């Protein structure tokens, strides 16, 4: 089963991993289906989202480094407007 990996991380630690050069994405509260054709790593600056996949729920918020595996299908339920840095591969 595909699992989401979540690691609490300070902004300073995330910047050492190069998030300043990653893409940016934001979304207002909403609910939508999403698929990951490739692996995504993201750092959440602000917001709250519940990601549901394969019977699991992942609570994601500020200060978290999150890895979504390639091939995962899920539902995003954005509770508070989210802003993140992300990269694929």
N, C-alpha and C. Protein backbone atom coordinates (compact mmCIF):
# COMPACT_ATOMS: atom_id res chain seq x y z
N UNK A 1 0.84 -1.19 0.00
CA UNK A 1 0.00 0.00 0.00
C UNK A 1 0.88 1.25 0.00
N UNK A 2 0.46 2.24 -0.75
CA UNK A 2 1.21 3.49 -0.83
C UNK A 2 0.90 4.34 0.39
N UNK A 3 1.94 4.89 1.00
CA UNK A 3 1.77 5.70 2.21
C UNK A 3 2.40 7.07 2.04
N UNK A 4 1.79 8.04 2.72
CA UNK A 4 2.33 9.39 2.77
C UNK A 4 3.33 9.46 3.93
N UNK A 5 4.47 10.06 3.69
CA UNK A 5 5.47 10.25 4.76
C UNK A 5 5.43 11.71 5.20
N UNK A 6 5.31 11.91 6.52
CA UNK A 6 5.23 13.26 7.08
C UNK A 6 6.32 13.42 8.13
N UNK A 7 7.08 14.51 8.01
CA UNK A 7 8.15 14.78 8.96
C UNK A 7 8.07 16.24 9.40
N UNK A 8 7.88 16.49 10.70
CA UNK A 8 7.94 17.88 11.17
C UNK A 8 9.32 18.46 10.90
N UNK A 9 9.36 19.73 10.44
CA UNK A 9 10.64 20.32 10.07
C UNK A 9 10.55 21.84 10.18
N UNK A 10 11.61 22.44 10.71
CA UNK A 10 11.64 23.90 10.78
C UNK A 10 11.89 24.47 9.38
N UNK A 11 11.51 25.73 9.20
CA UNK A 11 11.75 26.40 7.93
C UNK A 11 13.24 26.41 7.61
N UNK A 12 14.07 26.63 8.62
CA UNK A 12 15.52 26.67 8.41
C UNK A 12 16.04 25.33 7.90
N UNK A 13 15.54 24.22 8.48
CA UNK A 13 15.96 22.89 8.02
C UNK A 13 15.51 22.67 6.57
N UNK A 14 14.28 23.08 6.27
CA UNK A 14 13.75 22.90 4.93
C UNK A 14 14.54 23.72 3.91
N UNK A 15 14.93 24.93 4.29
CA UNK A 15 15.72 25.77 3.38
C UNK A 15 17.06 25.13 3.07
N UNK A 16 17.63 24.40 4.01
CA UNK A 16 18.90 23.70 3.76
C UNK A 16 18.72 22.60 2.72
N UNK A 17 17.47 22.12 2.55
CA UNK A 17 17.17 21.10 1.54
C UNK A 17 16.82 21.72 0.19
N UNK A 18 16.85 23.05 0.11
CA UNK A 18 16.67 23.74 -1.17
C UNK A 18 15.27 24.17 -1.52
N UNK A 19 14.36 24.29 -0.54
CA UNK A 19 12.97 24.63 -0.88
C UNK A 19 12.83 26.00 -1.55
N UNK A 20 13.80 26.88 -1.37
CA UNK A 20 13.71 28.21 -1.98
C UNK A 20 13.71 28.14 -3.51
N UNK A 21 14.21 27.03 -4.06
CA UNK A 21 14.24 26.88 -5.53
C UNK A 21 13.10 26.01 -6.05
N UNK A 22 12.22 25.51 -5.16
CA UNK A 22 11.11 24.66 -5.56
C UNK A 22 9.94 25.50 -6.08
N UNK A 23 9.01 24.85 -6.75
CA UNK A 23 7.80 25.51 -7.19
C UNK A 23 6.93 25.91 -6.00
N UNK A 24 5.96 26.77 -6.24
CA UNK A 24 5.03 27.21 -5.19
C UNK A 24 3.61 26.89 -5.62
N UNK A 25 2.76 26.56 -4.65
CA UNK A 25 1.37 26.28 -4.92
C UNK A 25 0.53 26.68 -3.72
N UNK A 26 -0.65 27.18 -3.98
CA UNK A 26 -1.58 27.54 -2.92
C UNK A 26 -2.99 27.21 -3.34
N UNK A 27 -3.88 27.06 -2.34
CA UNK A 27 -5.26 26.70 -2.61
C UNK A 27 -6.14 27.16 -1.46
N UNK A 28 -7.28 27.72 -1.82
CA UNK A 28 -8.28 28.10 -0.81
C UNK A 28 -9.01 26.84 -0.32
N UNK A 29 -9.75 26.92 0.77
CA UNK A 29 -10.49 25.74 1.25
C UNK A 29 -11.34 25.13 0.13
N UNK A 30 -11.19 23.84 -0.05
CA UNK A 30 -11.90 23.11 -1.10
C UNK A 30 -11.66 21.61 -0.90
N UNK A 31 -12.36 20.80 -1.68
CA UNK A 31 -12.17 19.34 -1.62
C UNK A 31 -12.09 18.84 -3.05
N UNK A 32 -11.07 18.01 -3.35
CA UNK A 32 -10.90 17.53 -4.72
C UNK A 32 -10.09 16.24 -4.75
N UNK A 33 -10.29 15.47 -5.81
CA UNK A 33 -9.52 14.25 -6.05
C UNK A 33 -8.18 14.64 -6.67
N UNK A 34 -7.14 13.87 -6.33
CA UNK A 34 -5.82 14.14 -6.90
C UNK A 34 -5.07 12.84 -7.10
N UNK A 35 -4.23 12.79 -8.13
CA UNK A 35 -3.38 11.63 -8.41
C UNK A 35 -1.95 12.11 -8.56
N UNK A 36 -1.03 11.25 -8.18
CA UNK A 36 0.40 11.58 -8.27
C UNK A 36 1.06 10.68 -9.31
N UNK A 37 1.24 11.18 -10.56
CA UNK A 37 1.90 10.38 -11.58
C UNK A 37 3.39 10.20 -11.28
N UNK A 38 3.93 11.08 -10.44
CA UNK A 38 5.31 10.91 -9.97
C UNK A 38 5.38 11.35 -8.50
N UNK A 39 6.46 10.97 -7.86
CA UNK A 39 6.66 11.31 -6.44
C UNK A 39 6.71 12.83 -6.27
N UNK A 40 6.08 13.32 -5.20
CA UNK A 40 6.15 14.75 -4.87
C UNK A 40 6.62 14.90 -3.43
N UNK A 41 7.54 15.83 -3.23
CA UNK A 41 7.97 16.23 -1.89
C UNK A 41 7.56 17.68 -1.73
N UNK A 42 6.92 18.03 -0.61
CA UNK A 42 6.51 19.41 -0.41
C UNK A 42 6.74 19.84 1.04
N UNK A 43 6.87 21.14 1.21
CA UNK A 43 7.00 21.75 2.54
C UNK A 43 5.84 22.71 2.70
N UNK A 44 5.06 22.55 3.77
CA UNK A 44 3.88 23.36 4.00
C UNK A 44 4.24 24.58 4.85
N UNK A 45 4.00 25.77 4.29
CA UNK A 45 4.25 27.02 5.01
C UNK A 45 3.07 27.38 5.90
N UNK A 46 1.85 27.20 5.37
CA UNK A 46 0.65 27.56 6.13
C UNK A 46 -0.53 26.77 5.61
N UNK A 47 -1.57 26.67 6.44
CA UNK A 47 -2.80 25.99 6.05
C UNK A 47 -2.96 24.65 6.74
N UNK A 48 -4.11 24.04 6.49
CA UNK A 48 -4.42 22.72 7.03
C UNK A 48 -5.17 21.93 5.98
N UNK A 49 -4.77 20.66 5.81
CA UNK A 49 -5.41 19.79 4.83
C UNK A 49 -5.46 18.37 5.39
N UNK A 50 -6.53 17.67 5.08
CA UNK A 50 -6.62 16.24 5.36
C UNK A 50 -6.54 15.54 4.01
N UNK A 51 -5.58 14.64 3.87
CA UNK A 51 -5.43 13.86 2.64
C UNK A 51 -5.87 12.44 2.97
N UNK A 52 -6.84 11.95 2.20
CA UNK A 52 -7.37 10.59 2.42
C UNK A 52 -6.95 9.70 1.25
N UNK A 53 -6.39 8.52 1.60
CA UNK A 53 -5.96 7.58 0.57
C UNK A 53 -5.94 6.17 1.15
N UNK A 54 -6.58 5.25 0.44
CA UNK A 54 -6.54 3.83 0.80
C UNK A 54 -6.95 3.58 2.26
N UNK A 55 -7.99 4.27 2.70
CA UNK A 55 -8.50 4.07 4.06
C UNK A 55 -7.73 4.78 5.15
N UNK A 56 -6.71 5.54 4.78
CA UNK A 56 -5.90 6.30 5.75
C UNK A 56 -6.21 7.78 5.60
N UNK A 57 -6.10 8.51 6.72
CA UNK A 57 -6.23 9.98 6.68
C UNK A 57 -4.96 10.59 7.24
N UNK A 58 -4.43 11.57 6.54
CA UNK A 58 -3.21 12.25 6.95
C UNK A 58 -3.53 13.71 7.21
N UNK A 59 -3.27 14.16 8.43
CA UNK A 59 -3.48 15.56 8.80
C UNK A 59 -2.17 16.30 8.54
N UNK A 60 -2.22 17.29 7.67
CA UNK A 60 -1.02 18.00 7.24
C UNK A 60 -1.19 19.49 7.53
N UNK A 61 -0.14 20.10 8.09
CA UNK A 61 -0.20 21.51 8.43
C UNK A 61 1.17 22.16 8.35
N UNK A 62 1.27 23.39 8.84
CA UNK A 62 2.51 24.15 8.75
C UNK A 62 3.70 23.44 9.40
N UNK A 63 4.86 23.62 8.77
CA UNK A 63 6.08 23.05 9.33
C UNK A 63 6.24 21.56 9.10
N UNK A 64 5.59 21.05 8.06
CA UNK A 64 5.70 19.62 7.75
C UNK A 64 6.30 19.43 6.36
N UNK A 65 7.27 18.51 6.28
CA UNK A 65 7.81 18.06 5.01
C UNK A 65 7.06 16.77 4.68
N UNK A 66 6.42 16.74 3.52
CA UNK A 66 5.52 15.64 3.17
C UNK A 66 5.96 15.02 1.85
N UNK A 67 5.99 13.68 1.81
CA UNK A 67 6.31 12.96 0.58
C UNK A 67 5.09 12.15 0.16
N UNK A 68 4.61 12.42 -1.07
CA UNK A 68 3.51 11.67 -1.65
C UNK A 68 4.11 10.71 -2.68
N UNK A 69 3.82 9.40 -2.55
CA UNK A 69 4.44 8.42 -3.44
C UNK A 69 3.86 8.44 -4.86
N UNK A 70 4.70 8.06 -5.81
CA UNK A 70 4.26 7.94 -7.20
C UNK A 70 3.14 6.91 -7.27
N UNK A 71 2.09 7.24 -8.05
CA UNK A 71 1.00 6.30 -8.26
C UNK A 71 -0.13 6.40 -7.25
N UNK A 72 -0.04 7.31 -6.29
CA UNK A 72 -1.07 7.42 -5.28
C UNK A 72 -2.26 8.22 -5.79
N UNK A 73 -3.47 7.72 -5.51
CA UNK A 73 -4.72 8.44 -5.76
C UNK A 73 -5.29 8.82 -4.41
N UNK A 74 -5.76 10.06 -4.26
CA UNK A 74 -6.21 10.52 -2.96
C UNK A 74 -7.26 11.62 -3.09
N UNK A 75 -7.79 12.04 -1.96
CA UNK A 75 -8.71 13.16 -1.89
C UNK A 75 -8.09 14.21 -0.97
N UNK A 76 -7.99 15.42 -1.46
CA UNK A 76 -7.52 16.55 -0.65
C UNK A 76 -8.73 17.29 -0.11
N UNK A 77 -8.75 17.51 1.21
CA UNK A 77 -9.79 18.31 1.85
C UNK A 77 -9.08 19.47 2.55
N UNK A 78 -9.00 20.60 1.86
CA UNK A 78 -8.28 21.76 2.37
C UNK A 78 -9.19 22.50 3.36
N UNK A 79 -8.79 22.49 4.63
CA UNK A 79 -9.59 23.10 5.70
C UNK A 79 -9.29 24.59 5.85
N UNK A 80 -7.99 24.94 5.79
CA UNK A 80 -7.54 26.34 5.84
C UNK A 80 -6.62 26.55 4.65
N UNK A 81 -6.75 27.71 4.00
CA UNK A 81 -5.96 27.99 2.79
C UNK A 81 -4.51 27.53 2.97
N UNK A 82 -4.02 26.79 1.99
CA UNK A 82 -2.69 26.19 2.09
C UNK A 82 -1.72 26.86 1.14
N UNK A 83 -0.46 26.91 1.57
CA UNK A 83 0.63 27.44 0.75
C UNK A 83 1.81 26.51 0.96
N UNK A 84 2.38 26.02 -0.14
CA UNK A 84 3.48 25.07 -0.01
C UNK A 84 4.52 25.27 -1.11
N UNK A 85 5.72 24.74 -0.84
CA UNK A 85 6.77 24.61 -1.85
C UNK A 85 6.81 23.13 -2.23
N UNK A 86 7.07 22.83 -3.51
CA UNK A 86 7.04 21.43 -3.92
C UNK A 86 8.05 21.15 -5.02
N UNK A 87 8.40 19.87 -5.13
CA UNK A 87 9.21 19.40 -6.25
C UNK A 87 8.79 17.97 -6.57
N UNK A 88 8.94 17.62 -7.83
CA UNK A 88 8.61 16.26 -8.28
C UNK A 88 9.88 15.47 -8.49
N UNK A 89 9.73 14.15 -8.45
CA UNK A 89 10.84 13.25 -8.71
C UNK A 89 11.49 12.71 -7.47
